[in-house]
Each structure stands twice: as structure tokens, then as C-alpha cells.
Amino acid sequence: PGPGSVAGLLNGTPFSSSSAIVNLSCFVVGT
């Protein structure tokens, strides 16, 4: 996995989670 972050509003209150872990799995062929 790699480093990630999530930010926005939760129930109208700003938040920022700067050390979230992100996983990605793709199968992309061509376009």
C-alpha cells in the first residue's frame, strides 16, 4: 500500500487525516 490522505467535512465539521493508508488494484487495458 501507499501513503494517502483524506480531508473534508464530517457532519459539517472540517477534518483532515493526513496519514491514511491507500490500496489500489486496477485492471486497465488500453483506454
PDB file of all heavy atoms in Angstrom:
ATOM      1  N   PRO A   1       0.838  -1.204   0.000  1.00  0.00           N
ATOM      2  CA  PRO A   1       0.000   0.000   0.000  1.00  0.00           C
ATOM      3  C   PRO A   1       0.866   1.245   0.000  1.00  0.00           C
ATOM      4  O   PRO A   1       2.090   1.174   0.146  1.00  0.00           O
ATOM      5  CB  PRO A   1      -0.804  -0.128   1.288  1.00  0.00           C
ATOM      6  CG  PRO A   1       0.076  -0.928   2.182  1.00  0.00           C
ATOM      7  CD  PRO A   1       0.820  -1.889   1.289  1.00  0.00           C
ATOM      8  N   GLY A   2       0.233   2.403  -0.141  1.00  0.00           N
ATOM      9  CA  GLY A   2       0.987   3.643  -0.174  1.00  0.00           C
ATOM     10  C   GLY A   2       0.408   4.689   0.755  1.00  0.00           C
ATOM     11  O   GLY A   2      -0.640   4.488   1.376  1.00  0.00           O
ATOM     12  N   PRO A   3       1.098   5.825   0.880  1.00  0.00           N
ATOM     13  CA  PRO A   3       0.611   6.910   1.742  1.00  0.00           C
ATOM     14  C   PRO A   3      -0.567   7.628   1.093  1.00  0.00           C
ATOM     15  O   PRO A   3      -0.611   7.816  -0.125  1.00  0.00           O
ATOM     16  CB  PRO A   3       1.824   7.836   1.848  1.00  0.00           C
ATOM     17  CG  PRO A   3       2.583   7.599   0.570  1.00  0.00           C
ATOM     18  CD  PRO A   3       2.385   6.156   0.235  1.00  0.00           C
ATOM     19  N   GLY A   4      -1.516   8.034   1.909  1.00  0.00           N
ATOM     20  CA  GLY A   4      -2.670   8.752   1.400  1.00  0.00           C
ATOM     21  C   GLY A   4      -3.179   9.753   2.417  1.00  0.00           C
ATOM     22  O   GLY A   4      -2.696   9.813   3.555  1.00  0.00           O
ATOM     23  N   SER A   5      -4.157  10.529   2.013  1.00  0.00           N
ATOM     24  CA  SER A   5      -4.776  11.491   2.931  1.00  0.00           C
ATOM     25  C   SER A   5      -6.230  11.691   2.524  1.00  0.00           C
ATOM     26  O   SER A   5      -6.600  11.502   1.365  1.00  0.00           O
ATOM     27  CB  SER A   5      -4.035  12.830   2.908  1.00  0.00           C
ATOM     28  OG  SER A   5      -4.132  13.444   1.638  1.00  0.00           O
ATOM     29  N   VAL A   6      -7.045  12.040   3.517  1.00  0.00           N
ATOM     30  CA  VAL A   6      -8.465  12.310   3.291  1.00  0.00           C
ATOM     31  C   VAL A   6      -8.813  13.584   4.046  1.00  0.00           C
ATOM     32  O   VAL A   6      -8.439  13.740   5.219  1.00  0.00           O
ATOM     33  CB  VAL A   6      -9.358  11.150   3.782  1.00  0.00           C
ATOM     34  CG1 VAL A   6     -10.814  11.411   3.412  1.00  0.00           C
ATOM     35  CG2 VAL A   6      -8.895   9.814   3.212  1.00  0.00           C
ATOM     36  N   ALA A   7      -9.518  14.499   3.391  1.00  0.00           N
ATOM     37  CA  ALA A   7      -9.918  15.750   4.043  1.00  0.00           C
ATOM     38  C   ALA A   7     -11.302  16.153   3.547  1.00  0.00           C
ATOM     39  O   ALA A   7     -11.701  15.820   2.431  1.00  0.00           O
ATOM     40  CB  ALA A   7      -8.905  16.855   3.754  1.00  0.00           C
ATOM     41  N   GLY A   8     -12.032  16.859   4.388  1.00  0.00           N
ATOM     42  CA  GLY A   8     -13.362  17.322   4.012  1.00  0.00           C
ATOM     43  C   GLY A   8     -14.135  17.761   5.228  1.00  0.00           C
ATOM     44  O   GLY A   8     -13.569  18.333   6.179  1.00  0.00           O
ATOM     45  N   LEU A   9     -15.438  17.469   5.239  1.00  0.00           N
ATOM     46  CA  LEU A   9     -16.311  17.808   6.353  1.00  0.00           C
ATOM     47  C   LEU A   9     -17.010  16.542   6.843  1.00  0.00           C
ATOM     48  O   LEU A   9     -17.480  15.737   6.037  1.00  0.00           O
ATOM     49  CB  LEU A   9     -17.367  18.827   5.932  1.00  0.00           C
ATOM     50  CG  LEU A   9     -16.899  20.171   5.364  1.00  0.00           C
ATOM     51  CD1 LEU A   9     -18.094  20.986   4.880  1.00  0.00           C
ATOM     52  CD2 LEU A   9     -16.111  20.948   6.405  1.00  0.00           C
ATOM     53  N   LEU A  10     -17.064  16.357   8.157  1.00  0.00           N
ATOM     54  CA  LEU A  10     -17.857  15.295   8.755  1.00  0.00           C
ATOM     55  C   LEU A  10     -18.917  15.957   9.619  1.00  0.00           C
ATOM     56  O   LEU A  10     -18.601  16.648  10.589  1.00  0.00           O
ATOM     57  CB  LEU A  10     -16.989  14.368   9.600  1.00  0.00           C
ATOM     58  CG  LEU A  10     -17.750  13.264  10.354  1.00  0.00           C
ATOM     59  CD1 LEU A  10     -18.545  12.386   9.396  1.00  0.00           C
ATOM     60  CD2 LEU A  10     -16.806  12.415  11.199  1.00  0.00           C
ATOM     61  N   ASN A  11     -20.172  15.776   9.210  1.00  0.00           N
ATOM     62  CA  ASN A  11     -21.305  16.429   9.877  1.00  0.00           C
ATOM     63  C   ASN A  11     -21.086  17.936   9.972  1.00  0.00           C
ATOM     64  O   ASN A  11     -21.411  18.571  10.985  1.00  0.00           O
ATOM     65  CB  ASN A  11     -21.529  15.830  11.264  1.00  0.00           C
ATOM     66  CG  ASN A  11     -21.855  14.345  11.203  1.00  0.00           C
ATOM     67  OD1 ASN A  11     -22.514  13.892  10.263  1.00  0.00           O
ATOM     68  ND2 ASN A  11     -21.399  13.590  12.188  1.00  0.00           N
ATOM     69  N   GLY A  12     -20.491  18.508   8.920  1.00  0.00           N
ATOM     70  CA  GLY A  12     -20.286  19.943   8.831  1.00  0.00           C
ATOM     71  C   GLY A  12     -19.020  20.458   9.485  1.00  0.00           C
ATOM     72  O   GLY A  12     -18.725  21.651   9.389  1.00  0.00           O
ATOM     73  N   THR A  13     -18.260  19.586  10.128  1.00  0.00           N
ATOM     74  CA  THR A  13     -17.024  19.999  10.807  1.00  0.00           C
ATOM     75  C   THR A  13     -15.814  19.590   9.981  1.00  0.00           C
ATOM     76  O   THR A  13     -15.703  18.412   9.600  1.00  0.00           O
ATOM     77  CB  THR A  13     -16.926  19.351  12.200  1.00  0.00           C
ATOM     78  OG1 THR A  13     -18.060  19.750  12.978  1.00  0.00           O
ATOM     79  CG2 THR A  13     -15.647  19.790  12.908  1.00  0.00           C
ATOM     80  N   PRO A  14     -14.898  20.519   9.693  1.00  0.00           N
ATOM     81  CA  PRO A  14     -13.717  20.167   8.884  1.00  0.00           C
ATOM     82  C   PRO A  14     -12.856  19.111   9.558  1.00  0.00           C
ATOM     83  O   PRO A  14     -12.711  19.091  10.782  1.00  0.00           O
ATOM     84  CB  PRO A  14     -12.960  21.497   8.766  1.00  0.00           C
ATOM     85  CG  PRO A  14     -13.978  22.554   9.027  1.00  0.00           C
ATOM     86  CD  PRO A  14     -14.929  21.960  10.021  1.00  0.00           C
ATOM     87  N   PHE A  15     -12.294  18.211   8.748  1.00  0.00           N
ATOM     88  CA  PHE A  15     -11.354  17.220   9.261  1.00  0.00           C
ATOM     89  C   PHE A  15     -10.261  17.004   8.225  1.00  0.00           C
ATOM     90  O   PHE A  15     -10.413  17.308   7.045  1.00  0.00           O
ATOM     91  CB  PHE A  15     -12.058  15.880   9.547  1.00  0.00           C
ATOM     92  CG  PHE A  15     -12.385  15.095   8.309  1.00  0.00           C
ATOM     93  CD1 PHE A  15     -11.466  14.203   7.751  1.00  0.00           C
ATOM     94  CD2 PHE A  15     -13.618  15.247   7.684  1.00  0.00           C
ATOM     95  CE1 PHE A  15     -11.765  13.481   6.611  1.00  0.00           C
ATOM     96  CE2 PHE A  15     -13.922  14.525   6.530  1.00  0.00           C
ATOM     97  CZ  PHE A  15     -12.994  13.648   5.994  1.00  0.00           C
ATOM     98  N   SER A  16      -9.157  16.483   8.684  1.00  0.00           N
ATOM     99  CA  SER A  16      -8.056  16.116   7.796  1.00  0.00           C
ATOM    100  C   SER A  16      -7.313  14.936   8.388  1.00  0.00           C
ATOM    101  O   SER A  16      -6.864  14.993   9.542  1.00  0.00           O
ATOM    102  CB  SER A  16      -7.095  17.290   7.597  1.00  0.00           C
ATOM    103  OG  SER A  16      -6.013  16.917   6.762  1.00  0.00           O
ATOM    104  N   SER A  17      -7.226  13.868   7.641  1.00  0.00           N
ATOM    105  CA  SER A  17      -6.479  12.684   8.058  1.00  0.00           C
ATOM    106  C   SER A  17      -5.325  12.521   7.084  1.00  0.00           C
ATOM    107  O   SER A  17      -5.484  12.008   5.974  1.00  0.00           O
ATOM    108  CB  SER A  17      -7.390  11.452   8.038  1.00  0.00           C
ATOM    109  OG  SER A  17      -6.700  10.313   8.490  1.00  0.00           O
ATOM    110  N   SER A  18      -4.161  13.007   7.483  1.00  0.00           N
ATOM    111  CA  SER A  18      -3.039  13.136   6.550  1.00  0.00           C
ATOM    112  C   SER A  18      -2.187  11.886   6.417  1.00  0.00           C
ATOM    113  O   SER A  18      -1.283  11.839   5.584  1.00  0.00           O
ATOM    114  CB  SER A  18      -2.147  14.303   6.967  1.00  0.00           C
ATOM    115  OG  SER A  18      -1.638  14.088   8.277  1.00  0.00           O
ATOM    116  N   SER A  19      -2.455  10.859   7.224  1.00  0.00           N
ATOM    117  CA  SER A  19      -1.599   9.671   7.173  1.00  0.00           C
ATOM    118  C   SER A  19      -2.370   8.399   6.843  1.00  0.00           C
ATOM    119  O   SER A  19      -1.950   7.298   7.195  1.00  0.00           O
ATOM    120  CB  SER A  19      -0.872   9.501   8.517  1.00  0.00           C
ATOM    121  OG  SER A  19      -1.808   9.414   9.583  1.00  0.00           O
ATOM    122  N   ALA A  20      -3.514   8.542   6.181  1.00  0.00           N
ATOM    123  CA  ALA A  20      -4.310   7.371   5.821  1.00  0.00           C
ATOM    124  C   ALA A  20      -3.547   6.473   4.849  1.00  0.00           C
ATOM    125  O   ALA A  20      -2.752   6.953   4.031  1.00  0.00           O
ATOM    126  CB  ALA A  20      -5.634   7.806   5.202  1.00  0.00           C
ATOM    127  N   ILE A  21      -3.780   5.176   4.958  1.00  0.00           N
ATOM    128  CA  ILE A  21      -3.152   4.212   4.065  1.00  0.00           C
ATOM    129  C   ILE A  21      -4.087   3.944   2.891  1.00  0.00           C
ATOM    130  O   ILE A  21      -5.292   3.744   3.070  1.00  0.00           O
ATOM    131  CB  ILE A  21      -2.858   2.897   4.800  1.00  0.00           C
ATOM    132  CG1 ILE A  21      -1.968   3.158   6.018  1.00  0.00           C
ATOM    133  CG2 ILE A  21      -2.203   1.887   3.868  1.00  0.00           C
ATOM    134  CD1 ILE A  21      -0.625   3.763   5.684  1.00  0.00           C
ATOM    135  N   VAL A  22      -3.537   3.935   1.664  1.00  0.00           N
ATOM    136  CA  VAL A  22      -4.353   3.693   0.478  1.00  0.00           C
ATOM    137  C   VAL A  22      -3.861   2.448  -0.247  1.00  0.00           C
ATOM    138  O   VAL A  22      -2.654   2.208  -0.365  1.00  0.00           O
ATOM    139  CB  VAL A  22      -4.336   4.923  -0.471  1.00  0.00           C
ATOM    140  CG1 VAL A  22      -2.927   5.285  -0.899  1.00  0.00           C
ATOM    141  CG2 VAL A  22      -5.197   4.660  -1.702  1.00  0.00           C
ATOM    142  N   ASN A  23      -4.819   1.632  -0.684  1.00  0.00           N
ATOM    143  CA  ASN A  23      -4.549   0.474  -1.531  1.00  0.00           C
ATOM    144  C   ASN A  23      -5.223   0.679  -2.880  1.00  0.00           C
ATOM    145  O   ASN A  23      -6.314   1.254  -2.959  1.00  0.00           O
ATOM    146  CB  ASN A  23      -5.081  -0.812  -0.885  1.00  0.00           C
ATOM    147  CG  ASN A  23      -4.194  -1.306   0.240  1.00  0.00           C
ATOM    148  OD1 ASN A  23      -3.219  -1.996   0.008  1.00  0.00           O
ATOM    149  ND2 ASN A  23      -4.535  -0.933   1.472  1.00  0.00           N
ATOM    150  N   LEU A  24      -4.590   0.204  -3.922  1.00  0.00           N
ATOM    151  CA  LEU A  24      -5.136   0.337  -5.279  1.00  0.00           C
ATOM    152  C   LEU A  24      -4.985  -0.984  -6.005  1.00  0.00           C
ATOM    153  O   LEU A  24      -3.928  -1.620  -5.959  1.00  0.00           O
ATOM    154  CB  LEU A  24      -4.391   1.437  -6.048  1.00  0.00           C
ATOM    155  CG  LEU A  24      -4.695   1.546  -7.549  1.00  0.00           C
ATOM    156  CD1 LEU A  24      -6.118   2.038  -7.771  1.00  0.00           C
ATOM    157  CD2 LEU A  24      -3.699   2.470  -8.232  1.00  0.00           C
ATOM    158  N   SER A  25      -6.045  -1.407  -6.672  1.00  0.00           N
ATOM    159  CA  SER A  25      -5.993  -2.596  -7.504  1.00  0.00           C
ATOM    160  C   SER A  25      -6.737  -2.293  -8.795  1.00  0.00           C
ATOM    161  O   SER A  25      -7.943  -2.013  -8.773  1.00  0.00           O
ATOM    162  CB  SER A  25      -6.637  -3.780  -6.785  1.00  0.00           C
ATOM    163  OG  SER A  25      -6.638  -4.923  -7.616  1.00  0.00           O
ATOM    164  N   CYS A  26      -6.042  -2.298  -9.909  1.00  0.00           N
ATOM    165  CA  CYS A  26      -6.639  -1.940 -11.194  1.00  0.00           C
ATOM    166  C   CYS A  26      -6.396  -3.012 -12.239  1.00  0.00           C
ATOM    167  O   CYS A  26      -5.375  -3.696 -12.221  1.00  0.00           O
ATOM    168  CB  CYS A  26      -6.054  -0.630 -11.724  1.00  0.00           C
ATOM    169  SG  CYS A  26      -6.616   0.852 -10.886  1.00  0.00           S
ATOM    170  N   PHE A  27      -7.336  -3.122 -13.143  1.00  0.00           N
ATOM    171  CA  PHE A  27      -7.101  -3.876 -14.365  1.00  0.00           C
ATOM    172  C   PHE A  27      -7.525  -2.967 -15.508  1.00  0.00           C
ATOM    173  O   PHE A  27      -8.710  -2.807 -15.788  1.00  0.00           O
ATOM    174  CB  PHE A  27      -7.873  -5.185 -14.407  1.00  0.00           C
ATOM    175  CG  PHE A  27      -7.569  -5.987 -15.643  1.00  0.00           C
ATOM    176  CD1 PHE A  27      -6.324  -6.595 -15.798  1.00  0.00           C
ATOM    177  CD2 PHE A  27      -8.499  -6.114 -16.653  1.00  0.00           C
ATOM    178  CE1 PHE A  27      -6.026  -7.328 -16.942  1.00  0.00           C
ATOM    179  CE2 PHE A  27      -8.205  -6.842 -17.796  1.00  0.00           C
ATOM    180  CZ  PHE A  27      -6.963  -7.459 -17.940  1.00  0.00           C
ATOM    181  N   VAL A  28      -6.541  -2.324 -16.104  1.00  0.00           N
ATOM    182  CA  VAL A  28      -6.783  -1.371 -17.184  1.00  0.00           C
ATOM    183  C   VAL A  28      -6.080  -1.868 -18.435  1.00  0.00           C
ATOM    184  O   VAL A  28      -4.874  -2.123 -18.419  1.00  0.00           O
ATOM    185  CB  VAL A  28      -6.266   0.031 -16.802  1.00  0.00           C
ATOM    186  CG1 VAL A  28      -6.411   0.991 -17.976  1.00  0.00           C
ATOM    187  CG2 VAL A  28      -7.027   0.568 -15.606  1.00  0.00           C
ATOM    188  N   VAL A  29      -6.826  -2.024 -19.503  1.00  0.00           N
ATOM    189  CA  VAL A  29      -6.265  -2.446 -20.785  1.00  0.00           C
ATOM    190  C   VAL A  29      -6.563  -1.358 -21.807  1.00  0.00           C
ATOM    191  O   VAL A  29      -7.726  -1.036 -22.057  1.00  0.00           O
ATOM    192  CB  VAL A  29      -6.857  -3.783 -21.254  1.00  0.00           C
ATOM    193  CG1 VAL A  29      -6.256  -4.193 -22.591  1.00  0.00           C
ATOM    194  CG2 VAL A  29      -6.611  -4.865 -20.222  1.00  0.00           C
ATOM    195  N   GLY A  30      -5.505  -0.771 -22.362  1.00  0.00           N
ATOM    196  CA  GLY A  30      -5.707   0.275 -23.365  1.00  0.00           C
ATOM    197  C   GLY A  30      -6.252   1.542 -22.762  1.00  0.00           C
ATOM    198  O   GLY A  30      -5.604   2.190 -21.949  1.00  0.00           O
ATOM    199  N   THR A  31      -7.501   1.885 -23.095  1.00  0.00           N
ATOM    200  CA  THR A  31      -8.059   3.188 -22.715  1.00  0.00           C
ATOM    201  C   THR A  31      -9.042   3.143 -21.557  1.00  0.00           C
ATOM    202  O   THR A  31      -9.527   4.185 -21.131  1.00  0.00           O
ATOM    203  CB  THR A  31      -8.764   3.830 -23.923  1.00  0.00           C
ATOM    204  OG1 THR A  31      -9.836   2.971 -24.351  1.00  0.00           O
ATOM    205  CG2 THR A  31      -7.788   4.034 -25.075  1.00  0.00           C
TER     206      THR A  31
END
